Amino acid sequence: MLQVFTMSLDSVLVSAIMSKDVKTEVEEQDIGAILRLMDVNDIGSVVIVKRQDKEQIPVGIITERDIVRTLGRKAGDLKEPLTTFMSKPIISIQSNSSAREAMQLMNSNHIRIVVLDLSGKIVGILTEKDIFREMLKKTGLVDDFTKYG
């Protein structure tokens, strides 16, 4: 059954299921600012960028899991630099890739994926939940999922 779902993901582009509202923060910011950004926007990850001219170059990502793991190892100060918490290098996929390719990349690296366009600009973020929702759409179970998740 799972093979049927993953095969159907071959025809789904990442751009069709990704979240387009990606929150970013510059690497010079402290973790307290990231926690506030996550709380205010009800999100689980923030892409960390380096500003180069007028471009934002993705250099890492901070997830709720990264924060818990780092604070669990050492009781940290909320003024700690983001480099203490972020996962790097960033693993990305292009928006014209298939959802199946994205799922394989996510599974092998245990990550959320930052989605880039052909020029390297951040255009979205993809989570396992996005792919799971698409799989449920294919079965007609998506209404039940949206009620609970």
N, C-alpha and C. Protein backbone atom coordinates (compact mmCIF):
# COMPACT_ATOMS: atom_id res chain seq x y z
N MET A 1 0.82 -1.20 0.00
CA MET A 1 0.00 0.00 0.00
C MET A 1 0.87 1.26 0.00
N LEU A 2 1.93 1.27 0.83
CA LEU A 2 2.81 2.44 0.89
C LEU A 2 3.45 2.69 -0.46
N GLN A 3 3.78 1.62 -1.18
CA GLN A 3 4.39 1.78 -2.50
C GLN A 3 3.44 2.51 -3.45
N VAL A 4 2.15 2.26 -3.36
CA VAL A 4 1.17 2.95 -4.20
C VAL A 4 1.20 4.44 -3.90
N PHE A 5 1.25 4.80 -2.61
CA PHE A 5 1.29 6.21 -2.22
C PHE A 5 2.56 6.88 -2.73
N THR A 6 3.71 6.23 -2.52
CA THR A 6 4.96 6.86 -2.93
C THR A 6 5.06 6.97 -4.44
N MET A 7 4.50 6.00 -5.16
CA MET A 7 4.50 6.10 -6.62
C MET A 7 3.64 7.28 -7.07
N SER A 8 2.52 7.51 -6.38
CA SER A 8 1.66 8.63 -6.76
C SER A 8 2.33 9.96 -6.46
N LEU A 9 3.31 9.98 -5.58
CA LEU A 9 4.03 11.22 -5.28
C LEU A 9 5.01 11.60 -6.39
N ASP A 10 5.27 10.69 -7.32
CA ASP A 10 6.13 11.02 -8.46
C ASP A 10 5.54 12.13 -9.30
N SER A 11 4.23 12.21 -9.36
CA SER A 11 3.57 13.20 -10.21
C SER A 11 3.27 14.51 -9.49
N VAL A 12 3.61 14.59 -8.20
CA VAL A 12 3.34 15.79 -7.42
C VAL A 12 4.63 16.59 -7.28
N LEU A 13 4.58 17.86 -7.68
CA LEU A 13 5.76 18.71 -7.54
C LEU A 13 5.84 19.28 -6.13
N VAL A 14 7.06 19.45 -5.65
CA VAL A 14 7.29 20.05 -4.34
C VAL A 14 6.60 21.40 -4.25
N SER A 15 6.65 22.18 -5.33
CA SER A 15 6.05 23.52 -5.32
C SER A 15 4.55 23.49 -5.04
N ALA A 16 3.89 22.37 -5.32
CA ALA A 16 2.44 22.27 -5.11
C ALA A 16 2.06 22.01 -3.66
N ILE A 17 2.99 21.48 -2.87
CA ILE A 17 2.63 21.09 -1.49
C ILE A 17 3.47 21.78 -0.42
N MET A 18 4.46 22.54 -0.81
CA MET A 18 5.33 23.20 0.18
C MET A 18 4.60 24.37 0.84
N SER A 19 5.08 24.76 1.99
CA SER A 19 4.61 25.99 2.65
C SER A 19 5.43 27.14 2.08
N LYS A 20 4.76 28.15 1.58
CA LYS A 20 5.46 29.25 0.91
C LYS A 20 5.86 30.37 1.87
N ASP A 21 5.26 30.41 3.04
CA ASP A 21 5.55 31.46 4.01
C ASP A 21 6.70 31.02 4.91
N VAL A 22 7.92 31.20 4.43
CA VAL A 22 9.11 30.77 5.16
C VAL A 22 9.61 31.93 6.01
N LYS A 23 9.78 31.67 7.29
CA LYS A 23 10.33 32.69 8.18
C LYS A 23 11.84 32.53 8.20
N THR A 24 12.53 33.66 8.07
CA THR A 24 13.99 33.66 8.09
C THR A 24 14.48 34.63 9.15
N GLU A 25 15.71 34.43 9.55
CA GLU A 25 16.36 35.35 10.49
C GLU A 25 17.85 35.34 10.18
N VAL A 26 18.49 36.47 10.41
CA VAL A 26 19.93 36.56 10.14
C VAL A 26 20.72 35.83 11.22
N GLU A 27 21.87 35.31 10.83
CA GLU A 27 22.66 34.48 11.72
C GLU A 27 23.20 35.24 12.93
N GLU A 28 23.22 36.56 12.89
CA GLU A 28 23.72 37.34 14.02
C GLU A 28 22.70 37.45 15.16
N GLN A 29 21.47 37.07 14.91
CA GLN A 29 20.41 37.18 15.91
C GLN A 29 20.63 36.15 17.03
N ASP A 30 20.00 36.36 18.19
CA ASP A 30 20.12 35.40 19.29
C ASP A 30 18.91 34.46 19.31
N ILE A 31 19.03 33.39 20.08
CA ILE A 31 18.00 32.35 20.10
C ILE A 31 16.68 32.86 20.69
N GLY A 32 16.75 33.84 21.58
CA GLY A 32 15.52 34.42 22.13
C GLY A 32 14.63 34.98 21.04
N ALA A 33 15.23 35.64 20.06
CA ALA A 33 14.46 36.20 18.93
C ALA A 33 13.81 35.08 18.11
N ILE A 34 14.51 33.98 17.96
CA ILE A 34 13.97 32.84 17.21
C ILE A 34 12.78 32.24 17.95
N LEU A 35 12.91 32.10 19.26
CA LEU A 35 11.81 31.56 20.06
C LEU A 35 10.57 32.44 19.96
N ARG A 36 10.77 33.75 20.00
CA ARG A 36 9.63 34.67 19.86
C ARG A 36 9.01 34.55 18.47
N LEU A 37 9.84 34.47 17.43
CA LEU A 37 9.36 34.33 16.06
C LEU A 37 8.54 33.05 15.89
N MET A 38 9.05 31.95 16.46
CA MET A 38 8.33 30.67 16.38
C MET A 38 6.99 30.76 17.12
N ASP A 39 7.00 31.38 18.28
CA ASP A 39 5.79 31.49 19.08
C ASP A 39 4.74 32.36 18.40
N VAL A 40 5.12 33.54 17.96
CA VAL A 40 4.18 34.48 17.33
C VAL A 40 3.58 33.91 16.06
N ASN A 41 4.37 33.17 15.30
CA ASN A 41 3.91 32.64 14.01
C ASN A 41 3.44 31.19 14.07
N ASP A 42 3.51 30.59 15.26
CA ASP A 42 3.10 29.20 15.46
C ASP A 42 3.77 28.28 14.44
N ILE A 43 5.10 28.35 14.40
CA ILE A 43 5.89 27.55 13.46
C ILE A 43 6.93 26.73 14.22
N GLY A 44 7.45 25.71 13.56
CA GLY A 44 8.41 24.82 14.19
C GLY A 44 9.82 24.95 13.68
N SER A 45 10.05 25.85 12.72
CA SER A 45 11.40 26.02 12.20
C SER A 45 11.59 27.40 11.60
N VAL A 46 12.84 27.84 11.61
CA VAL A 46 13.22 29.13 11.03
C VAL A 46 14.50 28.90 10.23
N VAL A 47 14.52 29.39 9.00
CA VAL A 47 15.71 29.28 8.16
C VAL A 47 16.65 30.44 8.53
N ILE A 48 17.90 30.10 8.78
CA ILE A 48 18.90 31.10 9.14
C ILE A 48 19.64 31.50 7.87
N VAL A 49 19.75 32.81 7.67
CA VAL A 49 20.34 33.33 6.43
C VAL A 49 21.50 34.27 6.73
N LYS A 50 22.33 34.39 5.71
CA LYS A 50 23.40 35.37 5.71
C LYS A 50 23.02 36.37 4.62
N ARG A 51 23.08 37.62 4.94
CA ARG A 51 22.76 38.64 3.93
C ARG A 51 24.01 38.91 3.10
N GLN A 52 23.82 38.85 1.80
CA GLN A 52 24.90 39.13 0.87
C GLN A 52 24.32 40.05 -0.19
N ASP A 53 24.77 41.29 -0.17
CA ASP A 53 24.15 42.34 -0.98
C ASP A 53 22.68 42.40 -0.57
N LYS A 54 21.76 42.23 -1.50
CA LYS A 54 20.34 42.25 -1.16
C LYS A 54 19.75 40.85 -1.10
N GLU A 55 20.59 39.86 -1.23
CA GLU A 55 20.14 38.46 -1.23
C GLU A 55 20.22 37.85 0.16
N GLN A 56 19.39 36.85 0.40
CA GLN A 56 19.45 36.06 1.62
C GLN A 56 19.96 34.68 1.25
N ILE A 57 21.15 34.35 1.74
CA ILE A 57 21.75 33.05 1.46
C ILE A 57 21.47 32.13 2.64
N PRO A 58 20.74 31.01 2.42
CA PRO A 58 20.45 30.11 3.54
C PRO A 58 21.73 29.41 4.03
N VAL A 59 21.97 29.48 5.34
CA VAL A 59 23.17 28.86 5.92
C VAL A 59 22.84 27.77 6.94
N GLY A 60 21.59 27.72 7.38
CA GLY A 60 21.20 26.72 8.37
C GLY A 60 19.71 26.79 8.65
N ILE A 61 19.27 25.93 9.52
CA ILE A 61 17.87 25.92 9.93
C ILE A 61 17.83 25.59 11.42
N ILE A 62 16.92 26.23 12.13
CA ILE A 62 16.71 25.91 13.54
C ILE A 62 15.29 25.39 13.69
N THR A 63 15.19 24.21 14.28
CA THR A 63 13.89 23.60 14.53
C THR A 63 13.66 23.52 16.04
N GLU A 64 12.43 23.25 16.40
CA GLU A 64 12.13 23.05 17.83
C GLU A 64 13.02 21.95 18.40
N ARG A 65 13.24 20.92 17.64
CA ARG A 65 14.07 19.80 18.08
C ARG A 65 15.51 20.24 18.33
N ASP A 66 16.05 21.10 17.46
CA ASP A 66 17.41 21.61 17.65
C ASP A 66 17.53 22.37 18.98
N ILE A 67 16.52 23.18 19.27
CA ILE A 67 16.55 23.99 20.49
C ILE A 67 16.50 23.09 21.72
N VAL A 68 15.58 22.14 21.74
CA VAL A 68 15.45 21.23 22.88
C VAL A 68 16.73 20.43 23.07
N ARG A 69 17.29 19.92 21.99
CA ARG A 69 18.50 19.11 22.06
C ARG A 69 19.66 19.92 22.63
N THR A 70 19.83 21.15 22.15
CA THR A 70 20.95 21.98 22.60
C THR A 70 20.76 22.40 24.05
N LEU A 71 19.57 22.85 24.41
CA LEU A 71 19.32 23.26 25.79
C LEU A 71 19.37 22.07 26.74
N GLY A 72 19.02 20.89 26.25
CA GLY A 72 19.09 19.69 27.07
C GLY A 72 20.51 19.31 27.42
N ARG A 73 21.44 19.56 26.52
CA ARG A 73 22.85 19.24 26.76
C ARG A 73 23.50 20.22 27.71
N LYS A 74 23.11 21.47 27.58
CA LYS A 74 23.67 22.49 28.46
C LYS A 74 22.61 23.56 28.64
N ALA A 75 22.34 23.88 29.86
CA ALA A 75 21.35 24.93 30.13
C ALA A 75 21.90 26.20 29.52
N GLY A 76 21.29 26.64 28.44
CA GLY A 76 21.84 27.75 27.67
C GLY A 76 21.24 29.09 28.02
N ASP A 77 21.95 30.08 27.62
CA ASP A 77 21.54 31.46 27.75
C ASP A 77 20.76 31.81 26.49
N LEU A 78 19.68 32.56 26.61
CA LEU A 78 18.90 32.94 25.44
C LEU A 78 19.63 33.95 24.56
N LYS A 79 20.79 34.37 24.97
CA LYS A 79 21.61 35.26 24.14
C LYS A 79 22.65 34.46 23.34
N GLU A 80 22.59 33.15 23.44
CA GLU A 80 23.52 32.29 22.67
C GLU A 80 23.38 32.60 21.18
N PRO A 81 24.49 32.55 20.44
CA PRO A 81 24.39 32.77 18.99
C PRO A 81 23.64 31.62 18.31
N LEU A 82 23.02 31.94 17.21
CA LEU A 82 22.23 30.94 16.48
C LEU A 82 23.07 29.77 16.01
N THR A 83 24.34 30.01 15.77
CA THR A 83 25.21 28.93 15.29
C THR A 83 25.31 27.80 16.31
N THR A 84 25.04 28.09 17.59
CA THR A 84 25.04 27.06 18.63
C THR A 84 23.89 26.08 18.44
N PHE A 85 22.79 26.56 17.88
CA PHE A 85 21.57 25.77 17.79
C PHE A 85 21.28 25.22 16.39
N MET A 86 21.70 25.92 15.35
CA MET A 86 21.22 25.58 14.01
C MET A 86 21.87 24.32 13.44
N SER A 87 21.10 23.66 12.60
CA SER A 87 21.60 22.52 11.84
C SER A 87 22.19 23.06 10.54
N LYS A 88 23.36 22.60 10.20
CA LYS A 88 24.00 23.02 8.96
C LYS A 88 24.86 21.88 8.46
N PRO A 89 25.21 21.81 7.22
CA PRO A 89 24.74 22.70 6.17
C PRO A 89 23.26 22.45 5.90
N ILE A 90 22.65 23.41 5.28
CA ILE A 90 21.24 23.30 4.96
C ILE A 90 21.07 22.29 3.81
N ILE A 91 20.08 21.46 3.92
CA ILE A 91 19.79 20.50 2.84
C ILE A 91 18.55 21.03 2.12
N SER A 92 18.67 21.15 0.82
CA SER A 92 17.59 21.77 0.06
C SER A 92 17.23 20.93 -1.15
N ILE A 93 16.11 21.31 -1.74
CA ILE A 93 15.63 20.66 -2.95
C ILE A 93 15.01 21.76 -3.81
N GLN A 94 15.01 21.55 -5.11
CA GLN A 94 14.41 22.55 -5.99
C GLN A 94 12.90 22.35 -6.06
N SER A 95 12.20 23.45 -6.27
CA SER A 95 10.73 23.42 -6.26
C SER A 95 10.14 22.57 -7.38
N ASN A 96 10.90 22.31 -8.44
CA ASN A 96 10.38 21.50 -9.54
C ASN A 96 10.69 20.01 -9.37
N SER A 97 11.20 19.61 -8.21
CA SER A 97 11.44 18.20 -7.90
C SER A 97 10.13 17.53 -7.51
N SER A 98 10.13 16.20 -7.55
CA SER A 98 8.92 15.47 -7.17
C SER A 98 8.84 15.32 -5.65
N ALA A 99 7.62 15.16 -5.17
CA ALA A 99 7.41 14.95 -3.73
C ALA A 99 8.06 13.64 -3.29
N ARG A 100 8.12 12.67 -4.18
CA ARG A 100 8.79 11.41 -3.84
C ARG A 100 10.28 11.63 -3.58
N GLU A 101 10.94 12.42 -4.45
CA GLU A 101 12.35 12.74 -4.23
C GLU A 101 12.55 13.44 -2.89
N ALA A 102 11.65 14.37 -2.60
CA ALA A 102 11.73 15.12 -1.35
C ALA A 102 11.57 14.18 -0.15
N MET A 103 10.61 13.26 -0.24
CA MET A 103 10.37 12.33 0.85
C MET A 103 11.60 11.46 1.10
N GLN A 104 12.24 11.01 0.03
CA GLN A 104 13.43 10.19 0.18
C GLN A 104 14.56 10.99 0.84
N LEU A 105 14.73 12.23 0.43
CA LEU A 105 15.76 13.09 1.01
C LEU A 105 15.47 13.36 2.49
N MET A 106 14.22 13.61 2.81
CA MET A 106 13.84 13.86 4.20
C MET A 106 14.05 12.62 5.06
N ASN A 107 13.66 11.47 4.56
CA ASN A 107 13.81 10.23 5.33
C ASN A 107 15.27 9.88 5.56
N SER A 108 16.11 10.07 4.57
CA SER A 108 17.51 9.69 4.73
C SER A 108 18.29 10.66 5.62
N ASN A 109 17.80 11.89 5.76
CA ASN A 109 18.50 12.89 6.57
C ASN A 109 17.74 13.29 7.83
N HIS A 110 16.52 12.80 8.01
CA HIS A 110 15.67 13.12 9.17
C HIS A 110 15.52 14.62 9.35
N ILE A 111 15.05 15.28 8.28
CA ILE A 111 15.00 16.74 8.28
C ILE A 111 13.72 17.26 7.65
N ARG A 112 13.54 18.57 7.82
CA ARG A 112 12.61 19.35 7.00
C ARG A 112 13.48 19.88 5.87
N ILE A 113 12.89 20.14 4.74
CA ILE A 113 13.67 20.58 3.58
C ILE A 113 13.35 22.01 3.23
N VAL A 114 14.39 22.78 3.01
CA VAL A 114 14.23 24.13 2.48
C VAL A 114 14.15 24.01 0.97
N VAL A 115 13.17 24.69 0.39
CA VAL A 115 12.94 24.60 -1.05
C VAL A 115 13.50 25.85 -1.71
N LEU A 116 14.30 25.63 -2.74
CA LEU A 116 14.94 26.72 -3.47
C LEU A 116 14.48 26.73 -4.91
N ASP A 117 14.54 27.91 -5.53
CA ASP A 117 14.30 27.97 -6.97
C ASP A 117 15.62 27.73 -7.68
N LEU A 118 15.61 27.80 -8.99
CA LEU A 118 16.83 27.50 -9.76
C LEU A 118 17.97 28.47 -9.48
N SER A 119 17.66 29.68 -9.01
CA SER A 119 18.72 30.65 -8.73
C SER A 119 19.22 30.56 -7.29
N GLY A 120 18.66 29.64 -6.49
CA GLY A 120 19.10 29.47 -5.11
C GLY A 120 18.32 30.31 -4.11
N LYS A 121 17.25 30.96 -4.54
CA LYS A 121 16.42 31.78 -3.66
C LYS A 121 15.45 30.88 -2.88
N ILE A 122 15.25 31.18 -1.60
CA ILE A 122 14.31 30.41 -0.77
C ILE A 122 12.89 30.70 -1.24
N VAL A 123 12.15 29.65 -1.58
CA VAL A 123 10.76 29.82 -2.02
C VAL A 123 9.77 29.03 -1.17
N GLY A 124 10.27 28.19 -0.27
CA GLY A 124 9.35 27.41 0.54
C GLY A 124 10.07 26.51 1.51
N ILE A 125 9.27 25.80 2.29
CA ILE A 125 9.79 24.78 3.19
C ILE A 125 8.83 23.60 3.13
N LEU A 126 9.36 22.41 3.23
CA LEU A 126 8.56 21.20 3.11
C LEU A 126 8.78 20.34 4.34
N THR A 127 7.69 19.87 4.93
CA THR A 127 7.78 19.00 6.10
C THR A 127 7.14 17.66 5.78
N GLU A 128 7.39 16.71 6.67
CA GLU A 128 6.75 15.40 6.51
C GLU A 128 5.23 15.54 6.55
N LYS A 129 4.75 16.48 7.34
CA LYS A 129 3.31 16.71 7.44
C LYS A 129 2.73 17.14 6.09
N ASP A 130 3.47 17.96 5.33
CA ASP A 130 3.00 18.39 4.01
C ASP A 130 2.85 17.18 3.08
N ILE A 131 3.83 16.29 3.11
CA ILE A 131 3.79 15.10 2.25
C ILE A 131 2.68 14.15 2.72
N PHE A 132 2.56 13.99 4.03
CA PHE A 132 1.52 13.12 4.58
C PHE A 132 0.13 13.63 4.19
N ARG A 133 -0.06 14.93 4.26
CA ARG A 133 -1.34 15.53 3.88
C ARG A 133 -1.65 15.22 2.41
N GLU A 134 -0.64 15.31 1.55
CA GLU A 134 -0.83 15.01 0.13
C GLU A 134 -1.20 13.55 -0.07
N MET A 135 -0.55 12.66 0.68
CA MET A 135 -0.88 11.24 0.58
C MET A 135 -2.32 11.00 1.02
N LEU A 136 -2.75 11.69 2.06
CA LEU A 136 -4.13 11.53 2.53
C LEU A 136 -5.13 12.07 1.52
N LYS A 137 -4.77 13.15 0.82
CA LYS A 137 -5.65 13.68 -0.23
C LYS A 137 -5.91 12.61 -1.28
N LYS A 138 -4.87 11.87 -1.60
CA LYS A 138 -5.00 10.85 -2.64
C LYS A 138 -5.95 9.73 -2.20
N THR A 139 -6.12 9.55 -0.89
CA THR A 139 -7.01 8.50 -0.39
C THR A 139 -8.38 9.03 -0.03
N GLY A 140 -8.53 10.35 -0.02
CA GLY A 140 -9.80 10.95 0.38
C GLY A 140 -9.94 11.12 1.88
N LEU A 141 -8.87 10.88 2.64
CA LEU A 141 -8.92 10.98 4.10
C LEU A 141 -8.50 12.35 4.61
N VAL A 142 -8.21 13.27 3.73
CA VAL A 142 -7.66 14.56 4.15
C VAL A 142 -8.59 15.34 5.06
N ASP A 143 -9.89 15.24 4.89
CA ASP A 143 -10.81 15.97 5.76
C ASP A 143 -10.66 15.55 7.21
N ASP A 144 -10.50 14.24 7.44
CA ASP A 144 -10.30 13.76 8.81
C ASP A 144 -8.99 14.28 9.37
N PHE A 145 -7.94 14.31 8.58
CA PHE A 145 -6.63 14.77 9.03
C PHE A 145 -6.67 16.24 9.42
N THR A 146 -7.33 17.06 8.61
CA THR A 146 -7.36 18.49 8.90
C THR A 146 -8.15 18.79 10.17
N LYS A 147 -9.09 17.94 10.52
CA LYS A 147 -9.83 18.13 11.77
C LYS A 147 -8.93 17.96 12.98
N TYR A 148 -7.96 17.04 12.89
CA TYR A 148 -7.15 16.68 14.05
C TYR A 148 -5.71 17.16 13.97
N GLY A 149 -5.21 17.60 12.83
CA GLY A 149 -3.80 17.92 12.74
C GLY A 149 -3.54 19.18 12.10
